[in-house]
């Protein structure tokens, strides 16, 4: 499945976009554009294992979203950072998985 990936701001305050601007950027990625499939919005800017879940929740969407780990993940190995991030964003309860 071919998709475009578009980096948008983040909700960390480490980039210059306001939360409203980041949500508008995400919305623009998901808006239909002729024959082009919707893009995946990539949240980047200060994202790491400790705040990835908060970033996804702040986005207000449940699909078409990816987080880009950056300097906030550098205090551990890349493998450990990815593992911790995946664990932090996975649904924790049956209600969340539903």
C-alpha atoms as a PDB file:
ATOM      1  CA  UNK A   1       0.000   0.000   0.000  1.00  0.00           C
ATOM      2  CA  UNK A   2       1.582   3.262  -1.106  1.00  0.00           C
ATOM      3  CA  UNK A   3       1.204   6.333   1.077  1.00  0.00           C
ATOM      4  CA  UNK A   4       2.878   9.686   1.390  1.00  0.00           C
ATOM      5  CA  UNK A   5       4.295  10.615   4.781  1.00  0.00           C
ATOM      6  CA  UNK A   6       4.148  14.296   5.702  1.00  0.00           C
ATOM      7  CA  UNK A   7       5.924  15.660   8.749  1.00  0.00           C
ATOM      8  CA  UNK A   8       3.780  17.988  10.829  1.00  0.00           C
ATOM      9  CA  UNK A   9       4.537  19.834  14.054  1.00  0.00           C
ATOM     10  CA  UNK A  10       4.125  18.414  17.532  1.00  0.00           C
ATOM     11  CA  UNK A  11       2.325  19.222  20.746  1.00  0.00           C
ATOM     12  CA  UNK A  12       5.540  19.375  22.803  1.00  0.00           C
ATOM     13  CA  UNK A  13       6.122  23.104  22.527  1.00  0.00           C
ATOM     14  CA  UNK A  14       9.584  22.442  21.061  1.00  0.00           C
ATOM     15  CA  UNK A  15       8.506  23.618  17.614  1.00  0.00           C
ATOM     16  CA  UNK A  16       6.774  26.844  16.690  1.00  0.00           C
ATOM     17  CA  UNK A  17       3.357  25.468  15.761  1.00  0.00           C
ATOM     18  CA  UNK A  18       0.388  25.924  18.081  1.00  0.00           C
ATOM     19  CA  UNK A  19      -1.734  22.870  18.919  1.00  0.00           C
ATOM     20  CA  UNK A  20      -4.461  24.229  16.619  1.00  0.00           C
ATOM     21  CA  UNK A  21      -1.965  24.572  13.763  1.00  0.00           C
ATOM     22  CA  UNK A  22      -0.706  21.011  14.282  1.00  0.00           C
ATOM     23  CA  UNK A  23      -4.268  19.651  14.206  1.00  0.00           C
ATOM     24  CA  UNK A  24      -4.919  21.662  11.015  1.00  0.00           C
ATOM     25  CA  UNK A  25      -1.762  20.171   9.467  1.00  0.00           C
ATOM     26  CA  UNK A  26      -2.943  16.658  10.379  1.00  0.00           C
ATOM     27  CA  UNK A  27      -6.375  17.404   8.931  1.00  0.00           C
ATOM     28  CA  UNK A  28      -4.766  18.631   5.707  1.00  0.00           C
ATOM     29  CA  UNK A  29      -2.843  15.343   5.425  1.00  0.00           C
ATOM     30  CA  UNK A  30      -6.092  13.397   5.729  1.00  0.00           C
ATOM     31  CA  UNK A  31      -8.199  15.541   3.378  1.00  0.00           C
ATOM     32  CA  UNK A  32      -9.034  13.977  -0.017  1.00  0.00           C
ATOM     33  CA  UNK A  33      -6.993  15.340  -2.914  1.00  0.00           C
ATOM     34  CA  UNK A  34      -8.349  14.013  -6.186  1.00  0.00           C
ATOM     35  CA  UNK A  35      -7.039  10.507  -6.887  1.00  0.00           C
ATOM     36  CA  UNK A  36      -4.320  10.800  -4.242  1.00  0.00           C
ATOM     37  CA  UNK A  37      -4.795   8.641  -1.165  1.00  0.00           C
ATOM     38  CA  UNK A  38      -4.726  10.364   2.180  1.00  0.00           C
ATOM     39  CA  UNK A  39      -1.277  10.933   3.612  1.00  0.00           C
ATOM     40  CA  UNK A  40       0.094   9.742   6.916  1.00  0.00           C
ATOM     41  CA  UNK A  41       0.773  12.671   9.246  1.00  0.00           C
ATOM     42  CA  UNK A  42       4.124  12.255  11.003  1.00  0.00           C
ATOM     43  CA  UNK A  43       4.306  14.116  14.316  1.00  0.00           C
ATOM     44  CA  UNK A  44       7.855  15.294  14.931  1.00  0.00           C
ATOM     45  CA  UNK A  45       9.638  17.649  17.282  1.00  0.00           C
ATOM     46  CA  UNK A  46      10.629  16.580  20.780  1.00  0.00           C
ATOM     47  CA  UNK A  47       8.832  13.218  20.603  1.00  0.00           C
ATOM     48  CA  UNK A  48      10.116  10.285  22.642  1.00  0.00           C
ATOM     49  CA  UNK A  49       8.926   7.275  24.600  1.00  0.00           C
ATOM     50  CA  UNK A  50       7.704   9.386  27.533  1.00  0.00           C
ATOM     51  CA  UNK A  51       5.370  11.603  25.497  1.00  0.00           C
ATOM     52  CA  UNK A  52       4.426   9.676  22.343  1.00  0.00           C
ATOM     53  CA  UNK A  53       1.054   8.576  23.722  1.00  0.00           C
ATOM     54  CA  UNK A  54       0.228  12.145  24.770  1.00  0.00           C
ATOM     55  CA  UNK A  55       1.126  13.338  21.258  1.00  0.00           C
ATOM     56  CA  UNK A  56      -1.218  10.810  19.658  1.00  0.00           C
ATOM     57  CA  UNK A  57      -4.033  11.663  22.061  1.00  0.00           C
ATOM     58  CA  UNK A  58      -3.572  15.399  21.403  1.00  0.00           C
ATOM     59  CA  UNK A  59      -3.858  14.767  17.658  1.00  0.00           C
ATOM     60  CA  UNK A  60      -7.461  13.706  18.093  1.00  0.00           C
ATOM     61  CA  UNK A  61      -7.344  11.024  15.393  1.00  0.00           C
ATOM     62  CA  UNK A  62      -6.877   7.286  15.649  1.00  0.00           C
ATOM     63  CA  UNK A  63      -5.464   6.444  12.224  1.00  0.00           C
ATOM     64  CA  UNK A  64      -3.195   7.911   9.579  1.00  0.00           C
ATOM     65  CA  UNK A  65      -0.702   9.016  12.195  1.00  0.00           C
ATOM     66  CA  UNK A  66       2.909   8.209  13.030  1.00  0.00           C
ATOM     67  CA  UNK A  67       5.363   9.660  15.544  1.00  0.00           C
ATOM     68  CA  UNK A  68       8.953  10.464  14.660  1.00  0.00           C
ATOM     69  CA  UNK A  69      11.335   9.852  17.531  1.00  0.00           C
ATOM     70  CA  UNK A  70      13.929  12.551  17.925  1.00  0.00           C
ATOM     71  CA  UNK A  71      16.199  13.978  20.579  1.00  0.00           C
ATOM     72  CA  UNK A  72      13.730  13.095  23.335  1.00  0.00           C
ATOM     73  CA  UNK A  73      14.592   9.432  22.646  1.00  0.00           C
ATOM     74  CA  UNK A  74      18.381   9.808  22.728  1.00  0.00           C
ATOM     75  CA  UNK A  75      18.905   8.950  26.391  1.00  0.00           C
ATOM     76  CA  UNK A  76      18.681   5.212  25.558  1.00  0.00           C
ATOM     77  CA  UNK A  77      19.613   3.062  22.571  1.00  0.00           C
ATOM     78  CA  UNK A  78      17.465   3.447  19.434  1.00  0.00           C
ATOM     79  CA  UNK A  79      16.132  -0.092  19.911  1.00  0.00           C
ATOM     80  CA  UNK A  80      15.163   0.593  23.523  1.00  0.00           C
ATOM     81  CA  UNK A  81      13.540   3.903  22.536  1.00  0.00           C
ATOM     82  CA  UNK A  82      11.425   2.265  19.830  1.00  0.00           C
ATOM     83  CA  UNK A  83      10.440  -0.595  22.130  1.00  0.00           C
ATOM     84  CA  UNK A  84       9.437   1.803  24.933  1.00  0.00           C
ATOM     85  CA  UNK A  85       7.482   3.992  22.518  1.00  0.00           C
ATOM     86  CA  UNK A  86       5.535   1.066  21.083  1.00  0.00           C
ATOM     87  CA  UNK A  87       4.702  -0.132  24.575  1.00  0.00           C
ATOM     88  CA  UNK A  88       3.552   3.349  25.586  1.00  0.00           C
ATOM     89  CA  UNK A  89       1.105   3.754  22.721  1.00  0.00           C
ATOM     90  CA  UNK A  90      -0.389   0.272  22.678  1.00  0.00           C
ATOM     91  CA  UNK A  91      -3.862  -0.030  24.179  1.00  0.00           C
ATOM     92  CA  UNK A  92      -3.544  -1.050  27.826  1.00  0.00           C
ATOM     93  CA  UNK A  93      -7.032  -2.341  28.523  1.00  0.00           C
ATOM     94  CA  UNK A  94      -9.791  -4.285  26.803  1.00  0.00           C
ATOM     95  CA  UNK A  95     -11.807  -1.057  26.615  1.00  0.00           C
ATOM     96  CA  UNK A  96      -8.965   0.755  24.830  1.00  0.00           C
ATOM     97  CA  UNK A  97      -8.489  -2.157  22.404  1.00  0.00           C
ATOM     98  CA  UNK A  98     -12.216  -2.169  21.484  1.00  0.00           C
END
